[in-house]
Amino acid sequence: MIKGQKVVCINDTFTTVIRAIYKQLPVKGNTYTIREVFLGREKVVKGGDSATVGLLLTELVNPPDPFHAGQQELGFSSERFAPLEEHPDEEAEVGELIGAGAEKGGYWVN
């Protein structure tokens, strides 16, 4: 996942504690834009370390994380979101085809 990418929320189940410290939470099925991608706090999983990928979203703004020394904004696990597959605009596709044919004597449509 990258900054500027559109994602859709696939998990909006939050604990009571999370609901109390966040101002805004994502809603399952809604589309959001990634504002920032960051490395979340590490957690121990079966004797090894693993890091989580966190996201800040353009449409949602939350208070600083009370447990983060740098006062980073509270974010969301990337596992709560799926990339949104965007389809190119049909007019753009037609223009590209016409443009490619123009090199061989095709026509331009304005």
N, C-alpha and C. Protein backbone atom coordinates (compact mmCIF):
# COMPACT_ATOMS: atom_id res chain seq x y z
N MET A 1 0.84 -1.17 0.00
CA MET A 1 0.00 0.00 0.00
C MET A 1 0.89 1.24 0.00
N ILE A 2 0.47 2.24 -0.77
CA ILE A 2 1.29 3.44 -0.92
C ILE A 2 0.45 4.71 -0.71
N LYS A 3 1.15 5.78 -0.41
CA LYS A 3 0.50 7.08 -0.20
C LYS A 3 -0.29 7.46 -1.46
N GLY A 4 -1.52 7.93 -1.28
CA GLY A 4 -2.37 8.33 -2.38
C GLY A 4 -3.26 7.22 -2.92
N GLN A 5 -2.99 5.98 -2.53
CA GLN A 5 -3.77 4.84 -3.01
C GLN A 5 -5.15 4.82 -2.35
N LYS A 6 -6.15 4.38 -3.10
CA LYS A 6 -7.50 4.22 -2.58
C LYS A 6 -7.62 2.81 -2.01
N VAL A 7 -8.25 2.72 -0.83
CA VAL A 7 -8.47 1.43 -0.18
C VAL A 7 -9.91 1.37 0.32
N VAL A 8 -10.41 0.15 0.52
CA VAL A 8 -11.75 -0.03 1.06
C VAL A 8 -11.62 -0.76 2.40
N CYS A 9 -12.38 -0.32 3.38
CA CYS A 9 -12.35 -0.94 4.70
C CYS A 9 -13.04 -2.30 4.63
N ILE A 10 -12.37 -3.33 5.16
CA ILE A 10 -12.93 -4.68 5.18
C ILE A 10 -13.17 -5.17 6.61
N ASN A 11 -12.74 -4.39 7.60
CA ASN A 11 -12.91 -4.78 9.00
C ASN A 11 -13.11 -3.54 9.85
N ASP A 12 -14.32 -3.35 10.35
CA ASP A 12 -14.59 -2.18 11.20
C ASP A 12 -15.03 -2.60 12.61
N THR A 13 -14.52 -3.74 13.05
CA THR A 13 -14.81 -4.22 14.40
C THR A 13 -13.73 -3.69 15.34
N PHE A 14 -14.11 -2.86 16.30
CA PHE A 14 -13.17 -2.24 17.23
C PHE A 14 -13.62 -2.49 18.67
N THR A 15 -12.65 -2.59 19.56
CA THR A 15 -12.94 -2.76 20.98
C THR A 15 -13.49 -1.46 21.56
N THR A 16 -14.06 -1.56 22.73
CA THR A 16 -14.58 -0.39 23.43
C THR A 16 -13.47 0.61 23.72
N VAL A 17 -12.28 0.12 24.08
CA VAL A 17 -11.14 1.00 24.37
C VAL A 17 -10.77 1.81 23.13
N ILE A 18 -10.68 1.16 21.99
CA ILE A 18 -10.34 1.84 20.73
C ILE A 18 -11.40 2.90 20.41
N ARG A 19 -12.64 2.53 20.56
CA ARG A 19 -13.74 3.48 20.28
C ARG A 19 -13.66 4.70 21.19
N ALA A 20 -13.10 4.53 22.39
CA ALA A 20 -13.01 5.64 23.34
C ALA A 20 -11.86 6.60 23.03
N ILE A 21 -10.74 6.10 22.47
CA ILE A 21 -9.58 6.98 22.26
C ILE A 21 -9.50 7.56 20.85
N TYR A 22 -10.20 6.99 19.89
CA TYR A 22 -10.21 7.51 18.53
C TYR A 22 -11.39 8.47 18.35
N LYS A 23 -11.20 9.50 17.55
CA LYS A 23 -12.30 10.42 17.22
C LYS A 23 -13.08 9.89 16.02
N GLN A 24 -12.34 9.33 15.03
CA GLN A 24 -12.96 8.86 13.79
C GLN A 24 -12.45 7.46 13.46
N LEU A 25 -13.38 6.58 13.10
CA LEU A 25 -13.03 5.20 12.75
C LEU A 25 -13.56 4.88 11.35
N PRO A 26 -12.85 4.02 10.63
CA PRO A 26 -13.33 3.65 9.30
C PRO A 26 -14.57 2.75 9.39
N VAL A 27 -15.36 2.77 8.32
CA VAL A 27 -16.59 1.98 8.25
C VAL A 27 -16.44 0.96 7.12
N LYS A 28 -16.79 -0.28 7.42
CA LYS A 28 -16.68 -1.36 6.45
C LYS A 28 -17.43 -1.00 5.16
N GLY A 29 -16.76 -1.18 4.03
CA GLY A 29 -17.35 -0.89 2.73
C GLY A 29 -17.06 0.51 2.22
N ASN A 30 -16.62 1.41 3.09
CA ASN A 30 -16.29 2.78 2.67
C ASN A 30 -14.89 2.85 2.08
N THR A 31 -14.72 3.78 1.16
CA THR A 31 -13.44 3.97 0.48
C THR A 31 -12.68 5.13 1.11
N TYR A 32 -11.36 4.95 1.26
CA TYR A 32 -10.49 5.95 1.87
C TYR A 32 -9.23 6.12 1.04
N THR A 33 -8.53 7.23 1.25
CA THR A 33 -7.27 7.53 0.56
C THR A 33 -6.15 7.47 1.58
N ILE A 34 -5.08 6.75 1.27
CA ILE A 34 -3.95 6.65 2.19
C ILE A 34 -3.20 7.98 2.21
N ARG A 35 -3.10 8.56 3.40
CA ARG A 35 -2.38 9.83 3.61
C ARG A 35 -0.93 9.56 3.96
N GLU A 36 -0.70 8.49 4.71
CA GLU A 36 0.65 8.16 5.16
C GLU A 36 0.73 6.68 5.49
N VAL A 37 1.89 6.07 5.22
CA VAL A 37 2.15 4.67 5.57
C VAL A 37 3.30 4.68 6.57
N PHE A 38 3.17 3.92 7.66
CA PHE A 38 4.23 3.90 8.66
C PHE A 38 4.39 2.51 9.25
N LEU A 39 5.53 2.28 9.86
CA LEU A 39 5.82 1.02 10.52
C LEU A 39 5.24 1.09 11.92
N GLY A 40 4.34 0.16 12.24
CA GLY A 40 3.71 0.15 13.55
C GLY A 40 4.62 -0.48 14.59
N ARG A 41 4.15 -0.46 15.82
CA ARG A 41 4.92 -1.07 16.90
C ARG A 41 5.09 -2.56 16.65
N GLU A 42 6.26 -3.06 17.01
CA GLU A 42 6.52 -4.49 16.84
C GLU A 42 5.85 -5.26 17.95
N LYS A 43 5.47 -6.49 17.62
CA LYS A 43 4.90 -7.37 18.62
C LYS A 43 5.52 -8.75 18.47
N VAL A 44 5.58 -9.48 19.54
CA VAL A 44 6.20 -10.80 19.52
C VAL A 44 5.17 -11.82 19.05
N VAL A 45 5.56 -12.57 18.02
CA VAL A 45 4.67 -13.59 17.47
C VAL A 45 5.46 -14.89 17.40
N LYS A 46 5.08 -15.87 18.21
CA LYS A 46 5.72 -17.19 18.23
C LYS A 46 7.23 -17.10 18.33
N GLY A 47 7.72 -16.30 19.25
CA GLY A 47 9.15 -16.23 19.49
C GLY A 47 9.92 -15.31 18.56
N GLY A 48 9.28 -14.72 17.57
CA GLY A 48 9.96 -13.83 16.64
C GLY A 48 9.33 -12.45 16.66
N ASP A 49 10.01 -11.52 16.07
CA ASP A 49 9.46 -10.18 15.98
C ASP A 49 8.82 -9.95 14.62
N SER A 50 7.74 -9.25 14.62
CA SER A 50 7.13 -8.86 13.35
C SER A 50 6.61 -7.44 13.51
N ALA A 51 6.62 -6.73 12.44
CA ALA A 51 6.14 -5.35 12.47
C ALA A 51 4.82 -5.27 11.73
N THR A 52 4.02 -4.33 12.12
CA THR A 52 2.76 -4.11 11.43
C THR A 52 2.88 -2.84 10.58
N VAL A 53 2.11 -2.78 9.53
CA VAL A 53 2.08 -1.60 8.68
C VAL A 53 0.85 -0.80 9.08
N GLY A 54 1.08 0.47 9.43
CA GLY A 54 -0.01 1.33 9.83
C GLY A 54 -0.35 2.33 8.74
N LEU A 55 -1.58 2.80 8.76
CA LEU A 55 -2.04 3.77 7.77
C LEU A 55 -2.70 4.96 8.44
N LEU A 56 -2.45 6.14 7.88
CA LEU A 56 -3.23 7.32 8.19
C LEU A 56 -4.06 7.60 6.95
N LEU A 57 -5.30 7.99 7.13
CA LEU A 57 -6.21 8.18 6.01
C LEU A 57 -6.60 9.65 5.87
N THR A 58 -6.68 10.11 4.64
CA THR A 58 -7.02 11.51 4.36
C THR A 58 -8.37 11.89 4.95
N GLU A 59 -9.32 11.00 4.87
CA GLU A 59 -10.69 11.31 5.29
C GLU A 59 -10.90 11.23 6.81
N LEU A 60 -9.96 10.66 7.54
CA LEU A 60 -10.10 10.50 8.99
C LEU A 60 -8.90 11.10 9.70
N VAL A 61 -9.16 11.92 10.71
CA VAL A 61 -8.09 12.53 11.50
C VAL A 61 -8.34 12.19 12.96
N ASN A 62 -7.29 11.72 13.65
CA ASN A 62 -7.42 11.30 15.04
C ASN A 62 -6.38 11.98 15.91
N PRO A 63 -6.56 11.90 17.23
CA PRO A 63 -5.60 12.53 18.15
C PRO A 63 -4.27 11.78 18.16
N PRO A 64 -3.26 12.36 18.79
CA PRO A 64 -1.96 11.69 18.89
C PRO A 64 -2.08 10.41 19.72
N ASP A 65 -1.24 9.43 19.38
CA ASP A 65 -1.16 8.17 20.11
C ASP A 65 -0.57 8.46 21.49
N PRO A 66 -1.30 8.19 22.57
CA PRO A 66 -0.80 8.50 23.91
C PRO A 66 0.42 7.68 24.31
N PHE A 67 0.71 6.59 23.60
CA PHE A 67 1.84 5.73 23.93
C PHE A 67 3.02 5.92 23.00
N HIS A 68 2.94 6.86 22.06
CA HIS A 68 4.03 7.10 21.11
C HIS A 68 4.82 8.33 21.56
N ALA A 69 6.13 8.17 21.74
CA ALA A 69 6.99 9.27 22.23
C ALA A 69 6.93 10.49 21.32
N GLY A 70 6.80 10.28 20.03
CA GLY A 70 6.77 11.39 19.08
C GLY A 70 5.39 11.97 18.85
N GLN A 71 4.40 11.51 19.61
CA GLN A 71 3.02 12.00 19.48
C GLN A 71 2.45 11.79 18.09
N GLN A 72 2.81 10.67 17.45
CA GLN A 72 2.28 10.34 16.12
C GLN A 72 0.77 10.13 16.23
N GLU A 73 0.05 10.55 15.21
CA GLU A 73 -1.40 10.38 15.17
C GLU A 73 -1.77 8.91 15.24
N LEU A 74 -2.86 8.62 15.92
CA LEU A 74 -3.38 7.24 15.97
C LEU A 74 -3.75 6.81 14.56
N GLY A 75 -3.25 5.65 14.15
CA GLY A 75 -3.52 5.15 12.81
C GLY A 75 -4.24 3.82 12.86
N PHE A 76 -4.29 3.15 11.71
CA PHE A 76 -5.01 1.89 11.58
C PHE A 76 -4.11 0.84 10.94
N SER A 77 -4.31 -0.40 11.33
CA SER A 77 -3.58 -1.51 10.73
C SER A 77 -3.98 -1.64 9.26
N SER A 78 -2.99 -1.85 8.41
CA SER A 78 -3.27 -2.01 6.97
C SER A 78 -4.12 -3.25 6.71
N GLU A 79 -4.13 -4.19 7.66
CA GLU A 79 -4.91 -5.41 7.49
C GLU A 79 -6.41 -5.15 7.52
N ARG A 80 -6.81 -3.98 7.94
CA ARG A 80 -8.24 -3.62 7.95
C ARG A 80 -8.74 -3.14 6.58
N PHE A 81 -7.82 -3.05 5.60
CA PHE A 81 -8.16 -2.48 4.30
C PHE A 81 -7.70 -3.36 3.15
N ALA A 82 -8.42 -3.25 2.04
CA ALA A 82 -8.04 -3.92 0.80
C ALA A 82 -7.86 -2.85 -0.27
N PRO A 83 -6.87 -3.03 -1.15
CA PRO A 83 -6.69 -2.05 -2.24
C PRO A 83 -7.95 -1.99 -3.10
N LEU A 84 -8.31 -0.79 -3.49
CA LEU A 84 -9.46 -0.60 -4.37
C LEU A 84 -8.98 -0.69 -5.80
N GLU A 85 -9.59 -1.56 -6.57
CA GLU A 85 -9.20 -1.69 -7.98
C GLU A 85 -9.96 -0.65 -8.77
N GLU A 86 -9.21 0.31 -9.30
CA GLU A 86 -9.82 1.36 -10.09
C GLU A 86 -9.71 1.02 -11.56
N HIS A 87 -10.78 1.24 -12.30
CA HIS A 87 -10.78 0.97 -13.73
C HIS A 87 -10.55 2.27 -14.48
N PRO A 88 -9.71 2.23 -15.51
CA PRO A 88 -9.46 3.47 -16.27
C PRO A 88 -10.74 3.99 -16.91
N ASP A 89 -10.80 5.29 -17.07
CA ASP A 89 -11.93 5.94 -17.69
C ASP A 89 -12.05 5.46 -19.14
N GLU A 90 -13.26 5.10 -19.55
CA GLU A 90 -13.45 4.57 -20.91
C GLU A 90 -13.02 5.57 -21.98
N GLU A 91 -13.27 6.86 -21.77
CA GLU A 91 -12.87 7.86 -22.75
C GLU A 91 -11.36 7.90 -22.90
N ALA A 92 -10.64 7.74 -21.82
CA ALA A 92 -9.18 7.75 -21.88
C ALA A 92 -8.69 6.57 -22.71
N GLU A 93 -9.34 5.41 -22.54
CA GLU A 93 -8.94 4.24 -23.32
C GLU A 93 -9.16 4.48 -24.81
N VAL A 94 -10.30 5.06 -25.17
CA VAL A 94 -10.59 5.34 -26.58
C VAL A 94 -9.57 6.31 -27.14
N GLY A 95 -9.26 7.37 -26.39
CA GLY A 95 -8.27 8.35 -26.82
C GLY A 95 -6.91 7.72 -27.06
N GLU A 96 -6.52 6.80 -26.20
CA GLU A 96 -5.23 6.14 -26.37
C GLU A 96 -5.22 5.30 -27.64
N LEU A 97 -6.32 4.62 -27.91
CA LEU A 97 -6.38 3.78 -29.11
C LEU A 97 -6.33 4.66 -30.36
N ILE A 98 -7.07 5.74 -30.35
CA ILE A 98 -7.08 6.64 -31.49
C ILE A 98 -5.70 7.26 -31.66
N GLY A 99 -5.09 7.65 -30.53
CA GLY A 99 -3.76 8.25 -30.60
C GLY A 99 -2.74 7.30 -31.19
N ALA A 100 -2.83 6.03 -30.83
CA ALA A 100 -1.89 5.05 -31.36
C ALA A 100 -2.12 4.86 -32.85
N GLY A 101 -3.38 4.90 -33.29
CA GLY A 101 -3.69 4.73 -34.71
C GLY A 101 -3.31 5.95 -35.53
N ALA A 102 -3.19 7.11 -34.88
CA ALA A 102 -2.88 8.34 -35.59
C ALA A 102 -1.51 8.26 -36.24
N GLU A 103 -0.60 7.52 -35.61
CA GLU A 103 0.73 7.37 -36.18
C GLU A 103 0.68 6.66 -37.52
N LYS A 104 -0.37 5.88 -37.73
CA LYS A 104 -0.51 5.11 -38.97
C LYS A 104 -1.59 5.71 -39.85
N GLY A 105 -1.85 6.99 -39.72
CA GLY A 105 -2.84 7.64 -40.58
C GLY A 105 -4.25 7.58 -40.02
N GLY A 106 -4.39 7.28 -38.73
CA GLY A 106 -5.72 7.22 -38.12
C GLY A 106 -6.28 8.62 -37.89
N TYR A 107 -7.43 8.70 -37.28
CA TYR A 107 -8.10 9.96 -37.04
C TYR A 107 -8.07 10.31 -35.55
N TRP A 108 -8.04 11.60 -35.28
CA TRP A 108 -8.13 12.10 -33.90
C TRP A 108 -9.55 12.55 -33.68
N VAL A 109 -10.09 12.27 -32.52
CA VAL A 109 -11.42 12.72 -32.16
C VAL A 109 -11.25 13.68 -31.01
N ASN A 110 -11.75 14.91 -31.14
CA ASN A 110 -11.63 15.92 -30.07
C ASN A 110 -12.91 16.01 -29.31
